[in-house]
N, C-alpha and C. Protein backbone atom coordinates (compact mmCIF):
# COMPACT_ATOMS: atom_id res chain seq x y z
N MET A 1 92.08 106.21 123.55
CA MET A 1 92.39 106.48 122.01
C MET A 1 92.85 105.37 121.22
N SER A 2 92.19 105.37 119.99
CA SER A 2 92.22 104.31 119.18
C SER A 2 93.85 104.34 118.77
N ALA A 3 94.30 103.02 118.26
CA ALA A 3 95.77 102.90 117.66
C ALA A 3 95.69 103.89 116.37
N ILE A 4 96.65 104.54 116.26
CA ILE A 4 96.88 105.32 114.95
C ILE A 4 97.31 104.40 113.75
N TRP A 5 97.66 103.26 114.04
CA TRP A 5 98.07 102.54 112.73
C TRP A 5 97.01 101.67 112.15
N PHE A 6 95.76 101.86 112.94
CA PHE A 6 94.48 101.27 112.40
C PHE A 6 93.31 102.46 112.30
N PHE A 7 92.33 102.05 111.57
CA PHE A 7 91.17 103.11 111.58
C PHE A 7 90.07 102.40 112.44
N GLU A 8 90.02 102.98 113.93
CA GLU A 8 89.08 102.53 114.75
C GLU A 8 89.13 100.87 115.04
N ASP A 9 90.33 100.59 115.15
CA ASP A 9 91.01 99.23 115.37
C ASP A 9 90.38 98.20 114.44
N VAL A 10 90.15 98.79 113.02
CA VAL A 10 90.06 97.80 112.04
C VAL A 10 91.14 97.51 111.22
N ASN A 11 91.55 96.23 111.14
CA ASN A 11 92.73 95.86 110.39
C ASN A 11 92.39 96.15 108.72
N LEU A 12 93.32 97.19 108.23
CA LEU A 12 93.16 97.74 106.98
C LEU A 12 93.09 96.82 105.91
N PHE A 13 93.83 95.57 106.15
CA PHE A 13 93.58 94.64 105.02
C PHE A 13 92.25 94.27 105.02
N LYS A 14 91.35 93.94 105.91
CA LYS A 14 90.13 93.59 105.82
C LYS A 14 89.27 94.38 105.18
N VAL A 15 89.79 95.71 104.86
CA VAL A 15 88.68 96.53 104.38
C VAL A 15 89.18 97.33 103.16
N LEU A 16 90.52 97.27 102.70
CA LEU A 16 91.16 97.92 101.96
C LEU A 16 91.50 97.15 100.53
N CYS A 17 92.09 95.87 100.88
CA CYS A 17 92.68 95.14 99.83
C CYS A 17 91.63 94.79 98.71
N PRO A 18 92.21 95.22 97.43
CA PRO A 18 91.26 95.26 96.11
C PRO A 18 90.63 94.01 96.02
N HIS A 19 91.31 92.75 96.47
CA HIS A 19 90.54 91.38 96.18
C HIS A 19 89.11 91.33 96.89
N LYS A 20 89.13 92.48 97.82
CA LYS A 20 87.50 92.58 98.69
C LYS A 20 86.80 93.13 97.85
N PHE A 21 87.05 93.71 96.67
CA PHE A 21 86.01 94.39 95.77
C PHE A 21 85.96 93.78 94.66
N ALA A 22 84.37 93.52 94.03
CA ALA A 22 84.31 93.04 93.15
C ALA A 22 84.95 93.58 91.69
N GLY A 23 84.73 95.00 91.43
CA GLY A 23 85.66 95.38 90.47
C GLY A 23 86.85 95.31 90.42
N PHE A 24 87.76 95.07 91.30
CA PHE A 24 89.17 94.86 91.20
C PHE A 24 89.62 93.53 91.49
N LYS A 25 88.68 92.72 92.05
CA LYS A 25 89.18 91.10 92.61
C LYS A 25 90.06 90.43 91.35
N GLN A 26 89.40 90.46 90.12
CA GLN A 26 90.13 89.55 89.01
C GLN A 26 91.61 89.71 88.76
N ASN A 27 91.85 91.16 88.79
CA ASN A 27 93.11 91.38 87.96
C ASN A 27 94.16 91.71 89.53
N HIS A 28 93.65 91.10 90.70
CA HIS A 28 94.44 91.33 91.81
C HIS A 28 95.41 89.98 92.21
N SER A 29 96.47 90.32 92.74
CA SER A 29 97.40 89.47 93.19
C SER A 29 98.13 89.90 94.57
N PHE A 30 98.84 88.90 95.12
CA PHE A 30 99.57 89.36 96.17
C PHE A 30 101.27 88.93 95.88
N ASP A 31 101.94 89.85 96.68
CA ASP A 31 103.34 89.54 96.58
C ASP A 31 104.15 89.18 97.90
N THR A 32 104.71 87.97 97.56
CA THR A 32 105.34 87.47 98.83
C THR A 32 107.01 87.85 98.77
N TYR A 33 107.51 87.99 99.95
CA TYR A 33 108.84 88.34 100.11
C TYR A 33 109.69 87.60 101.27
N ASP A 34 110.66 87.02 101.14
CA ASP A 34 111.41 86.57 102.51
C ASP A 34 112.01 87.67 103.08
N LYS A 35 112.77 87.22 104.19
CA LYS A 35 113.62 87.88 105.26
C LYS A 35 114.28 88.73 104.38
N LYS A 36 114.60 90.15 104.80
CA LYS A 36 115.65 91.00 104.43
C LYS A 36 115.44 91.38 102.83
N ASP A 37 114.56 90.98 102.04
CA ASP A 37 113.99 91.38 100.73
C ASP A 37 113.66 92.78 100.84
N TYR A 38 113.78 93.60 99.75
CA TYR A 38 113.51 94.96 99.71
C TYR A 38 112.15 94.88 98.77
N ILE A 39 111.21 95.63 99.32
CA ILE A 39 109.83 95.67 98.60
C ILE A 39 110.09 96.94 97.70
N TYR A 40 110.69 97.92 98.01
CA TYR A 40 111.20 98.86 97.20
C TYR A 40 112.31 99.53 97.61
N PHE A 41 113.01 100.37 96.96
CA PHE A 41 114.09 101.17 97.33
C PHE A 41 113.96 102.74 97.32
N GLU A 42 114.89 103.42 97.91
CA GLU A 42 114.74 104.87 97.67
C GLU A 42 115.10 105.25 96.32
N GLN A 43 114.27 106.18 95.88
CA GLN A 43 114.42 106.57 94.41
C GLN A 43 113.67 105.58 93.33
N ASP A 44 113.09 104.46 93.71
CA ASP A 44 112.17 103.94 92.90
C ASP A 44 110.91 104.48 92.48
N THR A 45 110.25 104.33 91.42
CA THR A 45 109.16 104.94 91.02
C THR A 45 108.12 104.58 92.12
N SER A 46 107.53 105.66 92.30
CA SER A 46 106.23 105.89 93.57
C SER A 46 104.76 105.74 92.88
N ASN A 47 104.38 104.57 92.55
CA ASN A 47 103.28 104.36 92.00
C ASN A 47 102.03 103.49 92.67
N LYS A 48 102.56 102.90 93.90
CA LYS A 48 101.58 102.10 94.58
C LYS A 48 101.65 102.21 96.06
N VAL A 49 100.55 101.71 96.45
CA VAL A 49 100.77 101.87 98.25
C VAL A 49 100.53 100.32 98.46
N PHE A 50 100.89 99.98 99.71
CA PHE A 50 100.88 98.40 100.11
C PHE A 50 100.20 98.52 101.61
N VAL A 51 99.25 97.43 101.49
CA VAL A 51 99.06 96.86 102.85
C VAL A 51 99.41 95.64 103.07
N ILE A 52 99.86 95.28 104.51
CA ILE A 52 100.48 93.89 104.65
C ILE A 52 99.71 92.88 105.11
N GLU A 53 99.70 91.75 104.60
CA GLU A 53 98.62 90.73 104.77
C GLU A 53 99.07 89.69 105.86
N LYS A 54 100.55 89.58 105.73
CA LYS A 54 101.16 88.63 106.71
C LYS A 54 102.80 89.08 106.95
N GLY A 55 103.24 89.01 108.17
CA GLY A 55 104.41 89.13 108.41
C GLY A 55 104.78 90.78 108.83
N LYS A 56 106.01 91.37 108.90
CA LYS A 56 106.60 92.58 109.37
C LYS A 56 107.45 93.23 108.27
N VAL A 57 107.16 94.56 108.14
CA VAL A 57 107.99 95.36 107.09
C VAL A 57 108.55 96.52 108.08
N LYS A 58 110.00 96.73 107.69
CA LYS A 58 110.59 97.93 108.22
C LYS A 58 110.80 99.19 107.02
N VAL A 59 110.33 100.32 107.35
CA VAL A 59 110.41 101.42 106.55
C VAL A 59 111.44 102.28 107.04
N GLY A 60 112.23 102.98 106.02
CA GLY A 60 113.47 103.77 106.62
C GLY A 60 114.00 104.52 105.58
N TYR A 61 115.35 105.25 105.92
CA TYR A 61 116.03 105.59 104.81
C TYR A 61 117.79 105.59 105.10
N TYR A 62 118.46 105.96 104.43
CA TYR A 62 119.70 106.02 104.75
C TYR A 62 120.21 107.54 104.84
N THR A 63 121.18 107.92 105.69
CA THR A 63 121.77 109.25 105.76
C THR A 63 122.75 109.29 104.77
N GLU A 64 123.35 110.59 104.43
CA GLU A 64 124.43 110.79 103.29
C GLU A 64 125.75 109.83 104.10
N GLU A 65 125.78 109.76 105.27
CA GLU A 65 126.89 108.88 105.77
C GLU A 65 126.81 107.53 105.65
N GLY A 66 125.61 106.87 105.33
CA GLY A 66 125.15 105.63 105.25
C GLY A 66 124.64 104.82 106.68
N GLN A 67 124.01 105.95 107.39
CA GLN A 67 123.59 105.24 108.59
C GLN A 67 121.98 105.04 108.30
N GLU A 68 121.63 103.90 108.77
CA GLU A 68 120.05 103.72 108.53
C GLU A 68 119.14 104.18 109.70
N VAL A 69 118.21 104.85 109.27
CA VAL A 69 117.25 105.55 110.33
C VAL A 69 115.84 104.73 109.81
N VAL A 70 115.35 104.08 111.10
CA VAL A 70 114.21 103.38 110.93
C VAL A 70 112.99 104.16 111.27
N LYS A 71 112.20 104.43 110.30
CA LYS A 71 110.79 105.30 110.49
C LYS A 71 109.75 104.52 111.07
N ALA A 72 109.52 103.12 110.76
CA ALA A 72 108.56 102.43 111.32
C ALA A 72 109.02 101.01 111.21
N ILE A 73 108.17 100.16 112.06
CA ILE A 73 108.14 98.80 111.90
C ILE A 73 106.64 98.40 111.89
N LEU A 74 106.23 97.88 110.77
CA LEU A 74 104.80 97.54 110.84
C LEU A 74 104.29 95.99 110.50
N SER A 75 103.33 95.67 110.99
CA SER A 75 102.87 94.30 110.75
C SER A 75 101.44 94.43 109.96
N LYS A 76 100.85 93.31 110.11
CA LYS A 76 99.52 92.89 109.62
C LYS A 76 98.62 93.77 109.46
N GLY A 77 98.00 94.14 108.34
CA GLY A 77 96.80 95.24 108.44
C GLY A 77 97.31 96.54 108.27
N GLU A 78 98.53 96.85 108.38
CA GLU A 78 99.10 98.27 108.26
C GLU A 78 99.45 98.77 106.80
N LEU A 79 99.48 99.72 106.59
CA LEU A 79 99.38 100.51 105.30
C LEU A 79 101.00 101.33 105.30
N PHE A 80 101.64 101.18 103.95
CA PHE A 80 102.79 102.07 103.79
C PHE A 80 103.03 102.49 102.15
N GLY A 81 103.85 103.38 102.05
CA GLY A 81 104.08 103.91 100.67
C GLY A 81 102.84 104.81 100.47
N GLU A 82 102.47 105.46 101.40
CA GLU A 82 101.07 106.24 101.15
C GLU A 82 101.36 107.71 100.51
N LYS A 83 102.83 107.90 100.58
CA LYS A 83 103.18 109.42 99.90
C LYS A 83 102.73 109.23 98.35
N ALA A 84 102.62 107.95 97.88
CA ALA A 84 102.48 107.86 96.47
C ALA A 84 101.04 108.46 96.09
N MET A 85 100.21 108.57 96.82
CA MET A 85 98.84 108.95 96.92
C MET A 85 98.83 110.55 96.86
N LEU A 86 99.79 111.18 97.48
CA LEU A 86 100.18 112.76 97.40
C LEU A 86 100.81 113.49 96.44
N GLY A 87 101.05 112.30 95.42
CA GLY A 87 102.26 113.03 94.35
C GLY A 87 103.42 112.70 94.31
N GLU A 88 103.85 111.86 95.16
CA GLU A 88 105.31 111.73 95.16
C GLU A 88 105.67 110.73 94.08
N GLU A 89 106.79 111.34 93.39
CA GLU A 89 107.02 110.49 92.01
C GLU A 89 108.18 109.58 92.22
N LYS A 90 109.18 109.80 93.13
CA LYS A 90 110.31 108.82 93.66
C LYS A 90 110.31 108.59 94.98
N ARG A 91 110.39 107.31 95.39
CA ARG A 91 110.27 107.03 96.90
C ARG A 91 111.55 107.66 97.64
N GLU A 92 111.29 108.07 98.77
CA GLU A 92 112.22 108.96 99.70
C GLU A 92 112.73 107.93 100.71
N GLU A 93 112.17 106.54 100.77
CA GLU A 93 112.69 105.90 101.63
C GLU A 93 112.83 104.43 101.09
N PHE A 94 113.12 103.31 101.90
CA PHE A 94 112.99 101.87 101.63
C PHE A 94 112.17 101.18 102.29
N ALA A 95 111.49 100.20 101.87
CA ALA A 95 110.70 99.08 102.38
C ALA A 95 111.13 97.82 102.37
N GLN A 96 111.51 97.31 103.61
CA GLN A 96 111.99 95.63 103.57
C GLN A 96 111.36 94.85 104.42
N ALA A 97 111.26 93.55 103.88
CA ALA A 97 110.62 92.65 104.79
C ALA A 97 111.40 92.06 105.98
N LEU A 98 110.98 91.86 107.02
CA LEU A 98 111.69 91.41 108.24
C LEU A 98 111.34 89.93 108.54
N THR A 99 110.42 89.29 107.82
CA THR A 99 110.28 88.03 108.08
C THR A 99 110.19 87.39 106.94
N ASP A 100 110.36 85.69 106.80
CA ASP A 100 110.04 84.94 105.59
C ASP A 100 108.48 85.09 105.31
N ASN A 101 108.34 84.89 104.21
CA ASN A 101 106.87 84.93 103.77
C ASN A 101 105.96 85.95 104.15
N THR A 102 106.44 86.94 104.19
CA THR A 102 105.78 88.18 104.38
C THR A 102 105.01 88.75 103.04
N ALA A 103 103.66 88.62 103.15
CA ALA A 103 102.61 88.85 102.06
C ALA A 103 102.18 90.27 102.09
N ILE A 104 102.39 90.80 100.73
CA ILE A 104 102.02 92.07 100.66
C ILE A 104 100.74 92.28 99.63
N CYS A 105 100.03 93.17 100.06
CA CYS A 105 98.87 93.65 98.89
C CYS A 105 99.05 94.92 98.13
N PRO A 106 99.60 94.68 97.16
CA PRO A 106 100.06 96.01 96.46
C PRO A 106 98.46 96.86 95.77
N ILE A 107 98.62 98.01 95.80
CA ILE A 107 97.32 98.79 95.41
C ILE A 107 98.05 100.15 94.44
N GLY A 108 97.51 99.82 93.25
CA GLY A 108 98.00 101.06 92.25
C GLY A 108 97.56 102.28 92.75
N VAL A 109 98.06 103.62 92.59
CA VAL A 109 97.45 104.76 93.26
C VAL A 109 96.25 105.13 92.43
N ASP A 110 96.00 104.76 91.19
CA ASP A 110 94.84 104.86 90.31
C ASP A 110 93.57 104.25 91.11
N THR A 111 93.87 102.89 91.52
CA THR A 111 93.01 102.19 91.90
C THR A 111 92.60 102.63 93.28
N MET A 112 93.56 103.09 94.15
CA MET A 112 93.24 103.84 95.19
C MET A 112 92.44 104.83 95.11
N HIS A 113 92.93 105.69 94.33
CA HIS A 113 91.92 106.83 94.08
C HIS A 113 90.43 106.60 93.84
N ASP A 114 90.46 105.61 92.90
CA ASP A 114 89.06 104.94 92.32
C ASP A 114 88.10 104.50 93.57
N LEU A 115 88.78 103.97 94.92
CA LEU A 115 88.11 103.44 95.99
C LEU A 115 87.81 104.54 96.67
N MET A 116 88.76 105.71 96.82
CA MET A 116 88.55 106.71 97.62
C MET A 116 87.34 107.67 96.98
N ARG A 117 87.11 107.77 95.77
CA ARG A 117 86.00 108.45 94.93
C ARG A 117 84.60 107.82 95.19
N GLN A 118 84.83 106.62 95.35
CA GLN A 118 83.53 105.65 95.46
C GLN A 118 82.91 105.71 96.87
N ASN A 119 83.73 106.13 98.10
CA ASN A 119 83.41 106.09 99.40
C ASN A 119 84.10 107.17 100.24
N GLN A 120 83.08 108.26 100.22
CA GLN A 120 83.69 109.57 100.98
C GLN A 120 84.29 109.16 102.27
N ASN A 121 83.57 108.45 103.11
CA ASN A 121 83.95 108.18 104.42
C ASN A 121 85.19 107.47 104.45
N PHE A 122 85.56 106.52 103.61
CA PHE A 122 86.63 105.88 103.46
C PHE A 122 87.81 106.59 103.19
N SER A 123 87.49 107.85 102.15
CA SER A 123 88.65 108.65 101.73
C SER A 123 89.08 109.62 102.99
N ILE A 124 87.85 110.07 103.66
CA ILE A 124 88.42 110.72 104.95
C ILE A 124 89.42 110.00 105.86
N LYS A 125 89.09 108.88 106.10
CA LYS A 125 89.86 107.93 106.97
C LYS A 125 91.20 107.81 106.48
N ILE A 126 91.40 107.61 105.29
CA ILE A 126 92.78 107.47 104.60
C ILE A 126 93.61 108.87 104.97
N TYR A 127 93.03 109.85 104.76
CA TYR A 127 93.71 111.04 104.91
C TYR A 127 93.80 111.27 106.53
N LYS A 128 93.05 110.78 107.35
CA LYS A 128 93.26 111.18 108.59
C LYS A 128 94.64 110.30 109.00
N PHE A 129 94.80 108.97 108.42
CA PHE A 129 95.57 107.79 108.55
C PHE A 129 96.88 108.78 108.25
N ILE A 130 96.95 109.30 107.20
CA ILE A 130 98.26 109.94 106.80
C ILE A 130 98.73 110.95 107.64
N GLY A 131 97.56 112.10 108.14
CA GLY A 131 98.06 112.86 109.10
C GLY A 131 98.68 112.19 110.42
N PHE A 132 98.00 111.33 111.09
CA PHE A 132 98.58 110.60 112.10
C PHE A 132 100.08 110.06 111.79
N ARG A 133 100.19 109.28 110.47
CA ARG A 133 101.49 108.86 110.32
C ARG A 133 102.38 109.90 110.45
N PHE A 134 102.20 111.13 109.74
CA PHE A 134 103.26 112.29 109.71
C PHE A 134 103.38 112.82 110.89
N LYS A 135 102.40 112.87 112.02
CA LYS A 135 102.69 113.38 113.26
C LYS A 135 103.41 112.39 114.18
N LYS A 136 103.34 110.91 114.06
CA LYS A 136 103.99 110.34 114.57
C LYS A 136 105.57 110.18 114.24
N LEU A 137 105.82 110.25 113.15
CA LEU A 137 107.10 110.45 112.33
C LEU A 137 107.63 111.69 112.84
N GLU A 138 107.21 112.69 112.86
CA GLU A 138 107.75 113.89 113.48
C GLU A 138 108.28 113.84 114.92
N ARG A 139 107.34 113.08 115.54
CA ARG A 139 107.64 112.92 117.19
C ARG A 139 109.11 111.96 117.23
N ARG A 140 108.92 111.11 116.25
CA ARG A 140 110.17 109.96 116.50
C ARG A 140 111.10 110.60 115.93
N LEU A 141 111.67 111.48 115.14
CA LEU A 141 112.63 112.35 114.67
C LEU A 141 113.01 113.13 115.72
N GLU A 142 112.18 114.06 116.27
CA GLU A 142 112.31 114.78 117.52
C GLU A 142 113.15 113.98 118.47
N LEU A 143 112.63 112.80 118.72
CA LEU A 143 113.44 111.92 119.68
C LEU A 143 114.87 111.59 119.43
N LEU A 144 114.83 111.24 118.26
CA LEU A 144 116.23 110.84 117.77
C LEU A 144 117.29 111.87 117.76
N LEU A 145 116.79 113.28 117.40
CA LEU A 145 117.73 114.45 117.31
C LEU A 145 118.15 114.93 118.62
N PHE A 146 117.01 115.07 119.53
CA PHE A 146 117.38 115.81 120.69
C PHE A 146 117.26 115.36 121.97
N LYS A 147 117.05 113.84 122.01
CA LYS A 147 116.87 113.27 123.56
C LYS A 147 118.07 112.13 123.48
N ASP A 148 118.55 111.94 124.85
CA ASP A 148 119.29 110.74 125.04
C ASP A 148 118.69 109.38 125.03
N ALA A 149 119.32 108.32 124.81
CA ALA A 149 118.82 106.96 124.69
C ALA A 149 117.79 106.63 125.55
N LYS A 150 118.07 106.95 127.00
CA LYS A 150 117.14 106.52 127.98
C LYS A 150 115.91 107.13 127.82
N THR A 151 115.86 108.57 127.62
CA THR A 151 114.84 109.08 127.58
C THR A 151 113.90 108.87 126.16
N ARG A 152 114.60 108.73 125.03
CA ARG A 152 113.95 107.93 124.12
C ARG A 152 113.21 106.72 124.32
N LEU A 153 113.90 105.99 124.98
CA LEU A 153 113.31 104.56 125.55
C LEU A 153 111.97 104.64 126.19
N LEU A 154 111.76 105.58 127.45
CA LEU A 154 111.24 106.06 128.19
C LEU A 154 109.89 106.42 127.25
N GLU A 155 110.04 107.69 126.44
CA GLU A 155 109.11 108.26 125.50
C GLU A 155 108.34 107.16 124.78
N PHE A 156 109.14 106.40 124.35
CA PHE A 156 108.80 105.26 123.14
C PHE A 156 108.06 104.32 123.97
N LEU A 157 108.18 103.96 125.04
CA LEU A 157 107.49 103.11 126.00
C LEU A 157 106.16 103.70 126.13
N GLU A 158 105.81 105.15 126.32
CA GLU A 158 104.87 105.70 126.66
C GLU A 158 103.73 105.66 125.30
N ASP A 159 104.55 105.93 124.09
CA ASP A 159 103.97 105.76 122.91
C ASP A 159 103.09 104.49 122.84
N LEU A 160 104.26 103.35 123.11
CA LEU A 160 103.89 101.98 122.64
C LEU A 160 102.51 101.72 123.80
N PHE A 161 102.44 102.18 124.82
CA PHE A 161 101.15 102.05 125.91
C PHE A 161 100.15 102.59 125.02
N ARG A 162 100.11 103.56 124.56
CA ARG A 162 99.00 104.54 123.77
C ARG A 162 98.46 103.50 122.59
N GLU A 163 99.43 102.60 122.10
CA GLU A 163 99.01 102.07 120.89
C GLU A 163 98.48 100.61 121.42
N TYR A 164 99.25 100.15 122.10
CA TYR A 164 99.06 98.58 122.45
C TYR A 164 98.86 98.32 123.75
N GLY A 165 98.69 99.39 124.76
CA GLY A 165 98.56 99.07 126.09
C GLY A 165 97.07 99.07 126.83
N SER A 166 96.84 98.45 128.10
CA SER A 166 95.90 98.71 128.56
C SER A 166 96.15 98.66 130.18
N LYS A 167 95.44 98.90 131.20
CA LYS A 167 95.70 98.94 132.59
C LYS A 167 95.45 97.62 133.18
N SER A 168 96.15 96.95 134.06
CA SER A 168 95.78 96.03 134.73
C SER A 168 94.49 96.15 135.49
N LYS A 169 93.91 94.91 135.58
CA LYS A 169 92.65 94.78 136.07
C LYS A 169 92.86 94.48 137.60
N THR A 170 94.18 94.11 138.12
CA THR A 170 94.30 93.68 139.39
C THR A 170 95.40 94.65 140.29
N SER A 171 95.93 95.60 139.34
CA SER A 171 96.71 96.66 139.97
C SER A 171 96.78 97.84 139.18
N SER A 172 97.73 98.73 139.71
CA SER A 172 97.99 99.92 138.90
C SER A 172 98.95 99.88 137.88
N ASP A 173 99.24 98.71 137.42
CA ASP A 173 100.38 98.40 136.43
C ASP A 173 99.67 98.86 135.00
N ARG A 174 100.44 99.35 134.20
CA ARG A 174 100.15 99.48 132.71
C ARG A 174 100.79 98.31 131.98
N VAL A 175 100.01 97.58 131.11
CA VAL A 175 100.63 96.29 130.44
C VAL A 175 100.53 96.63 128.98
N ILE A 176 101.70 96.26 128.48
CA ILE A 176 101.55 96.48 126.99
C ILE A 176 101.96 95.17 126.12
N LYS A 177 101.10 94.55 125.65
CA LYS A 177 101.39 93.48 124.60
C LYS A 177 101.49 94.00 123.20
N HIS A 178 102.76 93.78 122.63
CA HIS A 178 103.24 94.56 121.32
C HIS A 178 103.90 93.43 120.73
N PRO A 179 104.03 93.82 119.33
CA PRO A 179 104.54 92.90 118.44
C PRO A 179 106.04 92.93 118.14
N TYR A 180 106.80 93.80 118.88
CA TYR A 180 108.24 94.05 118.32
C TYR A 180 109.16 93.16 119.29
N THR A 181 110.14 92.99 118.69
CA THR A 181 111.18 92.38 119.20
C THR A 181 112.23 93.61 119.80
N GLN A 182 113.21 93.04 120.37
CA GLN A 182 114.24 93.95 121.19
C GLN A 182 114.92 94.66 119.85
N GLY A 183 115.45 94.04 118.84
CA GLY A 183 115.87 94.39 117.73
C GLY A 183 115.14 95.68 117.04
N ASP A 184 113.71 95.35 116.97
CA ASP A 184 112.85 96.23 116.41
C ASP A 184 112.86 97.71 117.42
N ILE A 185 112.96 97.50 118.58
CA ILE A 185 112.76 98.61 119.47
C ILE A 185 114.04 99.50 119.27
N ALA A 186 115.20 98.58 119.49
CA ALA A 186 116.46 99.38 119.27
C ALA A 186 116.42 100.35 117.93
N SER A 187 116.03 99.77 116.78
CA SER A 187 116.44 100.48 115.49
C SER A 187 115.26 101.66 115.55
N LEU A 188 114.05 101.57 116.49
CA LEU A 188 113.14 102.48 116.28
C LEU A 188 113.36 103.82 117.23
N ILE A 189 114.19 103.38 118.16
CA ILE A 189 114.76 104.59 118.94
C ILE A 189 116.34 105.09 118.82
N GLY A 190 116.88 104.27 117.74
CA GLY A 190 118.03 104.60 117.29
C GLY A 190 119.22 104.28 118.07
N THR A 191 119.39 103.05 118.60
CA THR A 191 120.21 102.51 119.43
C THR A 191 120.56 101.14 119.20
N SER A 192 121.78 100.62 119.79
CA SER A 192 121.99 99.42 119.69
C SER A 192 121.28 98.50 120.34
N ARG A 193 121.32 96.91 119.99
CA ARG A 193 120.53 96.19 120.67
C ARG A 193 121.20 95.97 121.96
N PRO A 194 122.66 95.88 122.04
CA PRO A 194 123.06 95.40 123.34
C PRO A 194 122.88 96.77 124.36
N THR A 195 123.12 98.22 123.81
CA THR A 195 122.59 99.16 124.82
C THR A 195 120.91 99.21 124.98
N LEU A 196 120.23 98.80 124.16
CA LEU A 196 118.65 98.58 124.60
C LEU A 196 118.50 97.80 125.75
N ASN A 197 119.15 96.46 125.72
CA ASN A 197 119.23 95.56 126.92
C ASN A 197 119.70 96.24 128.22
N ILE A 198 120.88 96.91 128.10
CA ILE A 198 121.33 97.46 129.31
C ILE A 198 120.24 98.57 129.91
N LEU A 199 119.83 99.48 129.13
CA LEU A 199 118.50 100.16 129.42
C LEU A 199 117.47 99.67 130.19
N LEU A 200 116.83 98.64 129.44
CA LEU A 200 115.64 97.87 129.81
C LEU A 200 116.21 97.07 131.21
N ASN A 201 117.30 96.63 131.54
CA ASN A 201 117.49 96.06 132.85
C ASN A 201 117.73 96.98 133.82
N GLU A 202 118.22 98.11 133.26
CA GLU A 202 118.47 99.29 134.52
C GLU A 202 117.02 99.75 134.93
N LEU A 203 115.99 99.90 133.95
CA LEU A 203 114.71 100.19 134.24
C LEU A 203 114.12 99.14 135.26
N LYS A 204 114.24 97.90 135.00
CA LYS A 204 113.67 96.72 135.73
C LYS A 204 114.38 96.71 137.16
N GLU A 205 115.77 97.01 137.19
CA GLU A 205 116.44 97.15 138.58
C GLU A 205 115.89 98.30 139.45
N ASP A 206 115.58 99.08 138.71
CA ASP A 206 114.89 100.45 139.39
C ASP A 206 113.41 100.39 139.59
N GLN A 207 112.86 99.00 139.37
CA GLN A 207 111.41 98.66 139.52
C GLN A 207 110.64 99.57 138.94
N LEU A 208 111.07 99.93 137.86
CA LEU A 208 110.23 100.97 136.78
C LEU A 208 109.42 100.09 136.03
N ILE A 209 109.92 99.07 135.37
CA ILE A 209 109.49 98.30 134.26
C ILE A 209 109.63 96.76 134.73
N ASP A 210 108.79 95.96 134.10
CA ASP A 210 109.11 94.41 133.84
C ASP A 210 108.85 94.08 132.51
N PHE A 211 109.40 93.18 131.99
CA PHE A 211 109.42 92.91 130.75
C PHE A 211 109.57 91.37 130.26
N ASN A 212 109.28 90.60 129.02
CA ASN A 212 109.47 89.53 128.60
C ASN A 212 109.35 90.00 127.02
N ARG A 213 109.28 88.89 126.20
CA ARG A 213 109.23 89.01 124.87
C ARG A 213 107.97 89.70 124.30
N LYS A 214 107.22 89.41 124.67
CA LYS A 214 105.71 89.83 124.25
C LYS A 214 104.93 90.83 125.11
N GLU A 215 105.57 91.22 126.19
CA GLU A 215 104.78 92.06 126.98
C GLU A 215 105.86 92.96 127.90
N ILE A 216 105.25 94.13 128.06
CA ILE A 216 106.18 95.13 129.04
C ILE A 216 105.05 95.72 130.26
N ARG A 217 105.64 95.74 131.21
CA ARG A 217 104.92 96.33 132.45
C ARG A 217 105.48 97.66 133.07
N LEU A 218 104.52 98.63 133.07
CA LEU A 218 105.07 99.94 133.43
C LEU A 218 104.60 100.20 134.86
N TYR A 219 105.49 100.25 135.79
CA TYR A 219 105.26 100.46 137.04
C TYR A 219 105.20 102.00 137.45
N TYR A 220 105.82 102.95 136.46
CA TYR A 220 106.10 104.52 136.85
C TYR A 220 104.89 104.97 136.11
N LYS A 221 104.53 106.21 136.61
CA LYS A 221 103.61 107.01 136.06
C LYS A 221 104.06 107.97 135.17
N SER A 222 103.85 108.31 133.82
CA SER A 222 104.14 109.45 133.16
C SER A 222 104.16 110.64 133.63
N ALA A 223 104.96 111.65 133.49
CA ALA A 223 105.00 113.17 134.03
C ALA A 223 103.66 113.62 133.51
């Protein structure tokens, strides 16, 4: 299965950013953000989409009680703000840089539509991407609403394996090489970092997983 944040494992920045196209190159520039800078807020005008050239970006929203809900944590080559292409007038979410020197490629909606009109195959891939993004978000929100923290973690690990995993060549282990910190994972499954650390260590003690900063090994088989 191809990673759903990429089109056929192709980094979107390499094929989408307007500076790659002669007709758009002259008037295009990049935006740079430091850690915790907001790229846009909820209720901002929605007239651009963005591709990450460098760094990581958090996308989410706040509940009426002020609780932050993280929808996605994205890295190089990934697209966000895509609802602008579907007619969204005001942002329903925020986007925030998670790393210093996060470089973003902004693309006006009109420019995006021009690129899509010029290449039907590219247009199909964009809409396919949006469909995958909505499907993944629905699944994540379902987990947050109806599952306990340990179940959310186990199902998140399964999703992570489908995106970043491979089977070990020397054993039956499933190996996940991923870009997330423990803080990222905690945000994505709706729990605190200390609770996540407890859950990971419980799974490790039960010999279901092993982990370090950049790799998780799954010893169990999903149902």
